[in-house]
Amino acid sequence: MTLYNPPISRVALLIPCQMLTSGIEYQLKAQGDTRQFWRIGSLTEARLRLMASDIEMLVIAFSLQQADWQQRLQFIRALRQTKPGMRIVVILDVYIPYFLRQLSELSVSGILSQHDSLTDIREAFAQIGRGALYYSARIENALLCNLSKTPDQVTLRLMELRVLQHLLDGDSVKYTAKMLFRSEKTVMALKGKAMHKLGITHSADLVAMKEMLEHLYLKLALHDAPEYPINNLSNRIRSNGREVKTLLTWLPPVEVSHFRGGIAGPYPARKE
C-alpha cells in the first residue's frame, strides 16, 4: 500500500445472500487489512449508516430477483456525490449492457460477477485495494460491446418506453396498439428495437428492469412535456389504479407511492 492508497479497514456489505456475504468477508480478511465489517440489511439502513460514517468501502449486490435496481443506482449516485473517496464494489448476477453502462458512468471501483472464481474475486479486491479499477471478464465483455455503440444505438425513445410500459403492465399487443394509435406490427417492432438497445433478448431481463424503465420513461416524459406538473403527469400515465413512481430525491428519502408487485417473473395476465 502507498500513502495515496491506505489500507481499507472498514467495509459495509449490502448483500442479500448470506453465503456470498461470508465469502466476501473471508476474501477481504485474507487481504490482511480489513478489520471491521458492517452487514447492512436494507437501503434504508444503508442511508442512515453510510452517510454519516467513516466506512471506506461499500460492497453492494444486484440480483435478477431484486426489485430495487433503480433505487440502488440512485443510492450509489448519492454516495458518489457525498463521499467521493469511498470505494464502491458492485456484484452482479446479470449482464445487461444498458445497466452496466449506467454503473460505469457512476465510476464505481469494481464490478464483479457472482459467477467469478474465488481466485478472480481475491485478485479483484487486491487490485481495488491498490486503487485500481477492476471489471471481471464477463462484465468487461458485455460493457465493451455497449460502449462501442453510438448514442443513437443505445438511447431509448419515448414511444419505445411507452410500448414497454404497456406490455410490462400486462397489456396485450393488440390493446397497446389501440392505446398508442399504432399498428400491432409497429408495436412489436418498437419492442424489439428497445430490447436491442438494452442489449437483452429475454423477457425476464426486461421484467427485472421494470422500475428502471419506469424511471427513464418519467424522465423523458417530463422533458417532453415540462408544462405539466409532476402529479398531473403521474395521473396521465396511471393505469388500472396502479401508482407510478415519480422522479425521486434520495437525500433525504421521500415517501412515494409505488406498486410493490413482483417484477422478476412471467408477465401478468394480458388484457384484451
C-alpha atoms as a PDB file:
ATOM      1  CA  MET A   1       0.000   0.000   0.000  1.00  0.00           C
ATOM      2  CA  THR A   2       1.092   3.587  -0.618  1.00  0.00           C
ATOM      3  CA  LEU A   3       0.340   6.809   1.171  1.00  0.00           C
ATOM      4  CA  TYR A   4      -2.226   7.533  -1.515  1.00  0.00           C
ATOM      5  CA  ASN A   5      -3.937   4.158  -1.072  1.00  0.00           C
ATOM      6  CA  PRO A   6      -4.162   3.484   2.670  1.00  0.00           C
ATOM      7  CA  PRO A   7      -5.391   0.092   3.902  1.00  0.00           C
ATOM      8  CA  ILE A   8      -9.145  -0.480   3.885  1.00  0.00           C
ATOM      9  CA  SER A   9     -10.109  -1.291   7.454  1.00  0.00           C
ATOM     10  CA  ARG A  10     -13.890  -0.647   7.484  1.00  0.00           C
ATOM     11  CA  VAL A  11     -16.239  -2.256   4.948  1.00  0.00           C
ATOM     12  CA  ALA A  12     -20.040  -2.237   4.625  1.00  0.00           C
ATOM     13  CA  LEU A  13     -21.775  -5.163   2.927  1.00  0.00           C
ATOM     14  CA  LEU A  14     -25.207  -4.695   1.363  1.00  0.00           C
ATOM     15  CA  ILE A  15     -25.665  -8.239   0.045  1.00  0.00           C
ATOM     16  CA  PRO A  16     -28.920 -10.231   0.472  1.00  0.00           C
ATOM     17  CA  CYS A  17     -27.221 -13.628   0.178  1.00  0.00           C
ATOM     18  CA  GLN A  18     -25.610 -14.579   3.497  1.00  0.00           C
ATOM     19  CA  MET A  19     -23.364 -17.178   1.867  1.00  0.00           C
ATOM     20  CA  LEU A  20     -21.999 -14.594  -0.555  1.00  0.00           C
ATOM     21  CA  THR A  21     -21.572 -12.119   2.306  1.00  0.00           C
ATOM     22  CA  SER A  22     -19.499 -14.614   4.286  1.00  0.00           C
ATOM     23  CA  GLY A  23     -17.398 -15.389   1.220  1.00  0.00           C
ATOM     24  CA  ILE A  24     -16.655 -11.715   0.591  1.00  0.00           C
ATOM     25  CA  GLU A  25     -15.726 -11.215   4.252  1.00  0.00           C
ATOM     26  CA  TYR A  26     -13.328 -14.145   4.030  1.00  0.00           C
ATOM     27  CA  GLN A  27     -11.676 -12.801   0.880  1.00  0.00           C
ATOM     28  CA  LEU A  28     -11.277  -9.321   2.368  1.00  0.00           C
ATOM     29  CA  LYS A  29      -9.835 -10.673   5.600  1.00  0.00           C
ATOM     30  CA  ALA A  30      -7.330 -12.615   3.518  1.00  0.00           C
ATOM     31  CA  GLN A  31      -6.004  -9.276   2.254  1.00  0.00           C
ATOM     32  CA  GLY A  32      -4.831  -8.609   5.816  1.00  0.00           C
ATOM     33  CA  ASP A  33      -6.108  -5.033   6.169  1.00  0.00           C
ATOM     34  CA  THR A  34      -9.848  -5.205   6.772  1.00  0.00           C
ATOM     35  CA  ARG A  35     -10.698  -5.302  10.476  1.00  0.00           C
ATOM     36  CA  GLN A  36     -14.353  -4.254  10.735  1.00  0.00           C
ATOM     37  CA  PHE A  37     -17.437  -5.291   8.768  1.00  0.00           C
ATOM     38  CA  TRP A  38     -20.961  -3.897   8.800  1.00  0.00           C
ATOM     39  CA  ARG A  39     -23.651  -6.206   7.423  1.00  0.00           C
ATOM     40  CA  ILE A  40     -26.447  -3.940   6.201  1.00  0.00           C
ATOM     41  CA  GLY A  41     -29.854  -5.416   5.542  1.00  0.00           C
ATOM     42  CA  SER A  42     -31.641  -2.719   3.517  1.00  0.00           C
ATOM     43  CA  LEU A  43     -31.216   0.511   1.600  1.00  0.00           C
ATOM     44  CA  THR A  44     -32.953   2.401   4.378  1.00  0.00           C
ATOM     45  CA  GLU A  45     -30.375   1.196   6.884  1.00  0.00           C
ATOM     46  CA  ALA A  46     -27.590   1.954   4.401  1.00  0.00           C
ATOM     47  CA  ARG A  47     -28.735   5.553   4.003  1.00  0.00           C
ATOM     48  CA  LEU A  48     -28.774   6.053   7.749  1.00  0.00           C
ATOM     49  CA  ARG A  49     -25.420   4.411   8.466  1.00  0.00           C
ATOM     50  CA  LEU A  50     -23.216   5.161   5.482  1.00  0.00           C
ATOM     51  CA  MET A  51     -23.923   8.841   5.001  1.00  0.00           C
ATOM     52  CA  ALA A  52     -22.635   9.714   8.474  1.00  0.00           C
ATOM     53  CA  SER A  53     -19.922   7.089   8.874  1.00  0.00           C
ATOM     54  CA  ASP A  54     -16.244   6.713   8.003  1.00  0.00           C
ATOM     55  CA  ILE A  55     -16.699   3.423   6.130  1.00  0.00           C
ATOM     56  CA  GLU A  56     -14.088   3.164   3.396  1.00  0.00           C
ATOM     57  CA  MET A  57     -15.659   0.585   1.091  1.00  0.00           C
ATOM     58  CA  LEU A  58     -19.181  -0.490   0.189  1.00  0.00           C
ATOM     59  CA  VAL A  59     -19.825  -3.871  -1.436  1.00  0.00           C
ATOM     60  CA  ILE A  60     -23.336  -3.932  -2.896  1.00  0.00           C
ATOM     61  CA  ALA A  61     -25.107  -6.694  -4.828  1.00  0.00           C
ATOM     62  CA  PHE A  62     -27.654  -6.513  -7.643  1.00  0.00           C
ATOM     63  CA  SER A  63     -29.680  -9.604  -8.474  1.00  0.00           C
ATOM     64  CA  LEU A  64     -32.231 -10.548 -11.103  1.00  0.00           C
ATOM     65  CA  GLN A  65     -34.566 -11.421  -8.212  1.00  0.00           C
ATOM     66  CA  GLN A  66     -34.428  -7.944  -6.662  1.00  0.00           C
ATOM     67  CA  ALA A  67     -36.976  -5.237  -7.422  1.00  0.00           C
ATOM     68  CA  ASP A  68     -34.942  -2.157  -6.482  1.00  0.00           C
ATOM     69  CA  TRP A  69     -32.264  -1.740  -9.153  1.00  0.00           C
ATOM     70  CA  GLN A  70     -33.144   1.908  -9.738  1.00  0.00           C
ATOM     71  CA  GLN A  71     -33.110   2.690  -6.016  1.00  0.00           C
ATOM     72  CA  ARG A  72     -29.687   1.126  -5.630  1.00  0.00           C
ATOM     73  CA  LEU A  73     -28.362   3.079  -8.594  1.00  0.00           C
ATOM     74  CA  GLN A  74     -29.699   6.303  -7.078  1.00  0.00           C
ATOM     75  CA  PHE A  75     -28.094   5.407  -3.766  1.00  0.00           C
ATOM     76  CA  ILE A  76     -24.706   4.843  -5.403  1.00  0.00           C
ATOM     77  CA  ARG A  77     -25.083   8.172  -7.209  1.00  0.00           C
ATOM     78  CA  ALA A  78     -25.788   9.896  -3.891  1.00  0.00           C
ATOM     79  CA  LEU A  79     -22.736   8.268  -2.296  1.00  0.00           C
ATOM     80  CA  ARG A  80     -20.570   9.410  -5.185  1.00  0.00           C
ATOM     81  CA  GLN A  81     -21.683  12.993  -4.556  1.00  0.00           C
ATOM     82  CA  THR A  82     -21.371  12.988  -0.769  1.00  0.00           C
ATOM     83  CA  LYS A  83     -18.452  10.565  -0.313  1.00  0.00           C
ATOM     84  CA  PRO A  84     -16.370  10.688  -3.498  1.00  0.00           C
ATOM     85  CA  GLY A  85     -13.470   8.873  -1.854  1.00  0.00           C
ATOM     86  CA  MET A  86     -15.455   5.798  -0.840  1.00  0.00           C
ATOM     87  CA  ARG A  87     -14.677   2.703  -2.879  1.00  0.00           C
ATOM     88  CA  ILE A  88     -17.791   1.028  -4.216  1.00  0.00           C
ATOM     89  CA  VAL A  89     -17.743  -2.554  -5.455  1.00  0.00           C
ATOM     90  CA  VAL A  90     -20.793  -3.958  -7.255  1.00  0.00           C
ATOM     91  CA  ILE A  91     -21.501  -7.693  -7.526  1.00  0.00           C
ATOM     92  CA  LEU A  92     -23.957  -8.827 -10.206  1.00  0.00           C
ATOM     93  CA  ASP A  93     -25.692 -11.938 -11.444  1.00  0.00           C
ATOM     94  CA  VAL A  94     -26.972 -10.156 -14.579  1.00  0.00           C
ATOM     95  CA  TYR A  95     -25.036  -8.705 -17.502  1.00  0.00           C
ATOM     96  CA  ILE A  96     -27.473  -6.353 -19.206  1.00  0.00           C
ATOM     97  CA  PRO A  97     -25.301  -3.944 -21.230  1.00  0.00           C
ATOM     98  CA  TYR A  98     -27.538  -0.904 -20.674  1.00  0.00           C
ATOM     99  CA  PHE A  99     -27.462  -1.456 -16.914  1.00  0.00           C
ATOM    100  CA  LEU A 100     -23.682  -1.990 -16.896  1.00  0.00           C
ATOM    101  CA  ARG A 101     -23.263   1.288 -18.741  1.00  0.00           C
ATOM    102  CA  GLN A 102     -25.237   3.066 -16.018  1.00  0.00           C
ATOM    103  CA  LEU A 103     -22.914   1.600 -13.383  1.00  0.00           C
ATOM    104  CA  SER A 104     -19.753   2.501 -15.279  1.00  0.00           C
ATOM    105  CA  GLU A 105     -20.908   6.114 -15.553  1.00  0.00           C
ATOM    106  CA  LEU A 106     -21.065   6.230 -11.747  1.00  0.00           C
ATOM    107  CA  SER A 107     -17.311   5.470 -11.596  1.00  0.00           C
ATOM    108  CA  VAL A 108     -17.612   2.521  -9.241  1.00  0.00           C
ATOM    109  CA  SER A 109     -14.325   0.956  -8.145  1.00  0.00           C
ATOM    110  CA  GLY A 110     -15.164  -2.507  -9.395  1.00  0.00           C
ATOM    111  CA  ILE A 111     -17.876  -4.633 -10.986  1.00  0.00           C
ATOM    112  CA  LEU A 112     -17.713  -8.351 -10.244  1.00  0.00           C
ATOM    113  CA  SER A 113     -19.826 -11.320 -11.255  1.00  0.00           C
ATOM    114  CA  GLN A 114     -21.341 -13.716  -8.740  1.00  0.00           C
ATOM    115  CA  HIS A 115     -20.036 -16.437 -11.038  1.00  0.00           C
ATOM    116  CA  ASP A 116     -16.384 -15.355 -10.761  1.00  0.00           C
ATOM    117  CA  SER A 117     -13.981 -17.856  -9.240  1.00  0.00           C
ATOM    118  CA  LEU A 118     -12.511 -17.333  -5.779  1.00  0.00           C
ATOM    119  CA  THR A 119      -9.170 -16.610  -7.403  1.00  0.00           C
ATOM    120  CA  ASP A 120     -10.726 -13.880  -9.539  1.00  0.00           C
ATOM    121  CA  ILE A 121     -12.528 -12.349  -6.554  1.00  0.00           C
ATOM    122  CA  ARG A 122      -9.338 -12.371  -4.497  1.00  0.00           C
ATOM    123  CA  GLU A 123      -7.438 -10.649  -7.312  1.00  0.00           C
ATOM    124  CA  ALA A 124     -10.259  -8.144  -7.767  1.00  0.00           C
ATOM    125  CA  PHE A 125     -10.164  -6.958  -4.170  1.00  0.00           C
ATOM    126  CA  ALA A 126      -6.370  -6.866  -4.215  1.00  0.00           C
ATOM    127  CA  GLN A 127      -6.419  -4.512  -7.215  1.00  0.00           C
ATOM    128  CA  ILE A 128      -9.248  -2.392  -5.818  1.00  0.00           C
ATOM    129  CA  GLY A 129      -7.338  -2.115  -2.549  1.00  0.00           C
ATOM    130  CA  ARG A 130      -4.405  -0.685  -4.503  1.00  0.00           C
ATOM    131  CA  GLY A 131      -6.684   1.936  -6.013  1.00  0.00           C
ATOM    132  CA  ALA A 132      -7.163   0.269  -9.404  1.00  0.00           C
ATOM    133  CA  LEU A 133     -10.413  -0.092 -11.339  1.00  0.00           C
ATOM    134  CA  TYR A 134     -11.495  -3.704 -11.810  1.00  0.00           C
ATOM    135  CA  TYR A 135     -14.110  -5.301 -14.078  1.00  0.00           C
ATOM    136  CA  SER A 136     -14.445  -9.064 -14.236  1.00  0.00           C
ATOM    137  CA  ALA A 137     -14.074 -10.646 -17.668  1.00  0.00           C
ATOM    138  CA  ARG A 138     -17.823 -11.321 -18.038  1.00  0.00           C
ATOM    139  CA  ILE A 139     -18.675  -7.732 -17.155  1.00  0.00           C
ATOM    140  CA  GLU A 140     -15.981  -6.211 -19.360  1.00  0.00           C
ATOM    141  CA  ASN A 141     -17.057  -8.161 -22.439  1.00  0.00           C
ATOM    142  CA  ALA A 142     -20.705  -7.095 -22.100  1.00  0.00           C
ATOM    143  CA  LEU A 143     -19.786  -3.491 -21.293  1.00  0.00           C
ATOM    144  CA  LEU A 144     -17.311  -3.011 -24.122  1.00  0.00           C
ATOM    145  CA  CYS A 145     -19.919  -4.208 -26.609  1.00  0.00           C
ATOM    146  CA  ASN A 146     -22.298  -1.498 -25.401  1.00  0.00           C
ATOM    147  CA  LEU A 147     -19.694   1.283 -25.188  1.00  0.00           C
ATOM    148  CA  SER A 148     -18.718   0.669 -28.806  1.00  0.00           C
ATOM    149  CA  LYS A 149     -22.191   1.672 -29.983  1.00  0.00           C
ATOM    150  CA  THR A 150     -23.222   5.199 -30.919  1.00  0.00           C
ATOM    151  CA  PRO A 151     -25.635   7.146 -28.653  1.00  0.00           C
ATOM    152  CA  ASP A 152     -28.477   6.587 -31.132  1.00  0.00           C
ATOM    153  CA  GLN A 153     -27.939   2.833 -30.865  1.00  0.00           C
ATOM    154  CA  VAL A 154     -28.399   2.774 -27.074  1.00  0.00           C
ATOM    155  CA  THR A 155     -30.748   5.690 -26.362  1.00  0.00           C
ATOM    156  CA  LEU A 156     -34.356   4.652 -25.843  1.00  0.00           C
ATOM    157  CA  ARG A 157     -37.086   6.849 -27.313  1.00  0.00           C
ATOM    158  CA  LEU A 158     -40.246   7.857 -25.507  1.00  0.00           C
ATOM    159  CA  MET A 159     -42.517   5.791 -27.762  1.00  0.00           C
ATOM    160  CA  GLU A 160     -40.341   2.705 -27.248  1.00  0.00           C
ATOM    161  CA  LEU A 161     -40.639   3.168 -23.490  1.00  0.00           C
ATOM    162  CA  ARG A 162     -44.395   3.661 -23.733  1.00  0.00           C
ATOM    163  CA  VAL A 163     -44.681   0.354 -25.563  1.00  0.00           C
ATOM    164  CA  LEU A 164     -42.591  -1.403 -22.911  1.00  0.00           C
ATOM    165  CA  GLN A 165     -44.650   0.159 -20.139  1.00  0.00           C
ATOM    166  CA  HIS A 166     -47.899  -1.146 -21.593  1.00  0.00           C
ATOM    167  CA  LEU A 167     -46.511  -4.631 -22.158  1.00  0.00           C
ATOM    168  CA  LEU A 168     -44.967  -4.808 -18.684  1.00  0.00           C
ATOM    169  CA  ASP A 169     -48.308  -3.737 -17.218  1.00  0.00           C
ATOM    170  CA  GLY A 170     -49.864  -6.815 -18.815  1.00  0.00           C
ATOM    171  CA  ASP A 171     -51.453  -5.187 -21.853  1.00  0.00           C
ATOM    172  CA  SER A 172     -51.658  -7.279 -24.999  1.00  0.00           C
ATOM    173  CA  VAL A 173     -50.017  -6.159 -28.224  1.00  0.00           C
ATOM    174  CA  LYS A 174     -53.478  -5.521 -29.677  1.00  0.00           C
ATOM    175  CA  TYR A 175     -54.532  -3.343 -26.722  1.00  0.00           C
ATOM    176  CA  THR A 176     -51.190  -1.497 -26.713  1.00  0.00           C
ATOM    177  CA  ALA A 177     -51.508  -0.719 -30.412  1.00  0.00           C
ATOM    178  CA  LYS A 178     -55.006   0.625 -29.862  1.00  0.00           C
ATOM    179  CA  MET A 179     -53.953   2.839 -26.944  1.00  0.00           C
ATOM    180  CA  LEU A 180     -50.921   4.242 -28.787  1.00  0.00           C
ATOM    181  CA  PHE A 181     -52.650   4.589 -32.171  1.00  0.00           C
ATOM    182  CA  ARG A 182     -50.121   2.314 -33.813  1.00  0.00           C
ATOM    183  CA  SER A 183     -50.376  -0.954 -35.682  1.00  0.00           C
ATOM    184  CA  GLU A 184     -49.600  -4.234 -33.942  1.00  0.00           C
ATOM    185  CA  LYS A 185     -46.653  -4.675 -36.284  1.00  0.00           C
ATOM    186  CA  THR A 186     -45.266  -1.296 -35.229  1.00  0.00           C
ATOM    187  CA  VAL A 187     -45.691  -2.150 -31.548  1.00  0.00           C
ATOM    188  CA  MET A 188     -43.724  -5.370 -31.972  1.00  0.00           C
ATOM    189  CA  ALA A 189     -41.043  -3.527 -33.948  1.00  0.00           C
ATOM    190  CA  LEU A 190     -40.718  -0.874 -31.217  1.00  0.00           C
ATOM    191  CA  LYS A 191     -40.452  -3.557 -28.538  1.00  0.00           C
ATOM    192  CA  GLY A 192     -37.744  -5.375 -30.483  1.00  0.00           C
ATOM    193  CA  LYS A 193     -35.814  -2.182 -31.114  1.00  0.00           C
ATOM    194  CA  ALA A 194     -35.969  -1.219 -27.434  1.00  0.00           C
ATOM    195  CA  MET A 195     -34.748  -4.631 -26.288  1.00  0.00           C
ATOM    196  CA  HIS A 196     -31.912  -4.480 -28.809  1.00  0.00           C
ATOM    197  CA  LYS A 197     -30.825  -1.107 -27.411  1.00  0.00           C
ATOM    198  CA  LEU A 198     -30.909  -2.524 -23.893  1.00  0.00           C
ATOM    199  CA  GLY A 199     -28.854  -5.490 -25.026  1.00  0.00           C
ATOM    200  CA  ILE A 200     -31.344  -8.119 -23.859  1.00  0.00           C
ATOM    201  CA  THR A 201     -33.124 -10.983 -25.601  1.00  0.00           C
ATOM    202  CA  HIS A 202     -35.271 -12.476 -22.822  1.00  0.00           C
ATOM    203  CA  SER A 203     -38.470 -11.121 -21.299  1.00  0.00           C
ATOM    204  CA  ALA A 204     -37.216 -11.980 -17.793  1.00  0.00           C
ATOM    205  CA  ASP A 205     -34.452  -9.387 -18.131  1.00  0.00           C
ATOM    206  CA  LEU A 206     -36.981  -6.849 -19.349  1.00  0.00           C
ATOM    207  CA  VAL A 207     -39.237  -7.514 -16.354  1.00  0.00           C
ATOM    208  CA  ALA A 208     -36.264  -7.159 -13.993  1.00  0.00           C
ATOM    209  CA  MET A 209     -35.615  -3.684 -15.413  1.00  0.00           C
ATOM    210  CA  LYS A 210     -39.196  -2.557 -14.916  1.00  0.00           C
ATOM    211  CA  GLU A 211     -38.516   0.059 -12.242  1.00  0.00           C
ATOM    212  CA  MET A 212     -35.511   1.429 -14.133  1.00  0.00           C
ATOM    213  CA  LEU A 213     -37.530   1.741 -17.336  1.00  0.00           C
ATOM    214  CA  GLU A 214     -40.356   3.398 -15.407  1.00  0.00           C
ATOM    215  CA  HIS A 215     -37.932   5.971 -14.058  1.00  0.00           C
ATOM    216  CA  LEU A 216     -36.490   6.640 -17.512  1.00  0.00           C
ATOM    217  CA  TYR A 217     -39.980   6.952 -19.003  1.00  0.00           C
ATOM    218  CA  LEU A 218     -40.964   9.582 -16.469  1.00  0.00           C
ATOM    219  CA  LYS A 219     -37.732  11.454 -17.015  1.00  0.00           C
ATOM    220  CA  LEU A 220     -38.265  11.610 -20.779  1.00  0.00           C
ATOM    221  CA  ALA A 221     -41.969  12.401 -20.422  1.00  0.00           C
ATOM    222  CA  LEU A 222     -41.190  15.337 -18.149  1.00  0.00           C
ATOM    223  CA  HIS A 223     -38.580  16.565 -20.587  1.00  0.00           C
ATOM    224  CA  ASP A 224     -41.028  16.430 -23.488  1.00  0.00           C
ATOM    225  CA  ALA A 225     -43.927  17.936 -21.506  1.00  0.00           C
ATOM    226  CA  PRO A 226     -42.397  20.296 -18.901  1.00  0.00           C
ATOM    227  CA  GLU A 227     -45.571  22.367 -18.672  1.00  0.00           C
ATOM    228  CA  TYR A 228     -47.312  19.503 -16.866  1.00  0.00           C
ATOM    229  CA  PRO A 229     -46.760  19.320 -13.091  1.00  0.00           C
ATOM    230  CA  ILE A 230     -45.294  16.028 -11.923  1.00  0.00           C
ATOM    231  CA  ASN A 231     -48.523  14.976 -10.186  1.00  0.00           C
ATOM    232  CA  ASN A 232     -50.581  15.615 -13.305  1.00  0.00           C
ATOM    233  CA  LEU A 233     -48.122  13.611 -15.365  1.00  0.00           C
ATOM    234  CA  SER A 234     -48.385  10.704 -12.922  1.00  0.00           C
ATOM    235  CA  ASN A 235     -52.159  10.796 -13.258  1.00  0.00           C
ATOM    236  CA  ARG A 236     -51.879  10.781 -17.052  1.00  0.00           C
ATOM    237  CA  ILE A 237     -49.791   7.606 -17.121  1.00  0.00           C
ATOM    238  CA  ARG A 238     -51.503   5.756 -14.290  1.00  0.00           C
ATOM    239  CA  SER A 239     -53.300   2.645 -15.461  1.00  0.00           C
ATOM    240  CA  ASN A 240     -55.742   0.322 -13.679  1.00  0.00           C
ATOM    241  CA  GLY A 241     -55.287   2.054 -10.346  1.00  0.00           C
ATOM    242  CA  ARG A 242     -51.536   1.447 -10.396  1.00  0.00           C
ATOM    243  CA  GLU A 243     -49.437   4.217  -8.888  1.00  0.00           C
ATOM    244  CA  VAL A 244     -46.414   5.151 -10.988  1.00  0.00           C
ATOM    245  CA  LYS A 245     -43.308   6.237  -9.103  1.00  0.00           C
ATOM    246  CA  THR A 246     -42.302   9.812  -9.815  1.00  0.00           C
ATOM    247  CA  LEU A 247     -38.766  11.128 -10.055  1.00  0.00           C
ATOM    248  CA  LEU A 248     -37.034  10.698  -6.725  1.00  0.00           C
ATOM    249  CA  THR A 249     -34.609  12.516  -4.492  1.00  0.00           C
ATOM    250  CA  TRP A 250     -32.723  10.106  -2.279  1.00  0.00           C
ATOM    251  CA  LEU A 251     -31.183  12.588   0.162  1.00  0.00           C
ATOM    252  CA  PRO A 252     -33.223  12.543   2.307  1.00  0.00           C
ATOM    253  CA  PRO A 253     -35.528   9.594   1.469  1.00  0.00           C
ATOM    254  CA  VAL A 254     -39.017  10.599   0.412  1.00  0.00           C
ATOM    255  CA  GLU A 255     -42.386   8.915   0.641  1.00  0.00           C
ATOM    256  CA  VAL A 256     -43.626   7.730  -2.745  1.00  0.00           C
ATOM    257  CA  SER A 257     -46.492   5.644  -3.995  1.00  0.00           C
ATOM    258  CA  HIS A 258     -45.231   2.571  -5.750  1.00  0.00           C
ATOM    259  CA  PHE A 259     -46.628  -0.697  -6.916  1.00  0.00           C
ATOM    260  CA  ARG A 260     -44.730  -3.364  -4.975  1.00  0.00           C
ATOM    261  CA  GLY A 261     -45.744  -6.383  -7.002  1.00  0.00           C
ATOM    262  CA  GLY A 262     -43.048  -8.818  -8.030  1.00  0.00           C
ATOM    263  CA  ILE A 263     -41.267  -7.904 -11.226  1.00  0.00           C
ATOM    264  CA  ALA A 264     -38.934 -10.881 -11.589  1.00  0.00           C
ATOM    265  CA  GLY A 265     -41.104 -13.492 -13.206  1.00  0.00           C
ATOM    266  CA  PRO A 266     -43.566 -14.101 -16.015  1.00  0.00           C
ATOM    267  CA  TYR A 267     -45.735 -11.338 -17.419  1.00  0.00           C
ATOM    268  CA  PRO A 268     -49.077 -10.770 -15.697  1.00  0.00           C
ATOM    269  CA  ALA A 269     -52.267 -11.825 -17.433  1.00  0.00           C
ATOM    270  CA  ARG A 270     -52.799  -9.974 -20.676  1.00  0.00           C
ATOM    271  CA  LYS A 271     -55.715  -7.570 -21.117  1.00  0.00           C
ATOM    272  CA  GLU A 272     -57.510  -7.860 -24.416  1.00  0.00           C
END
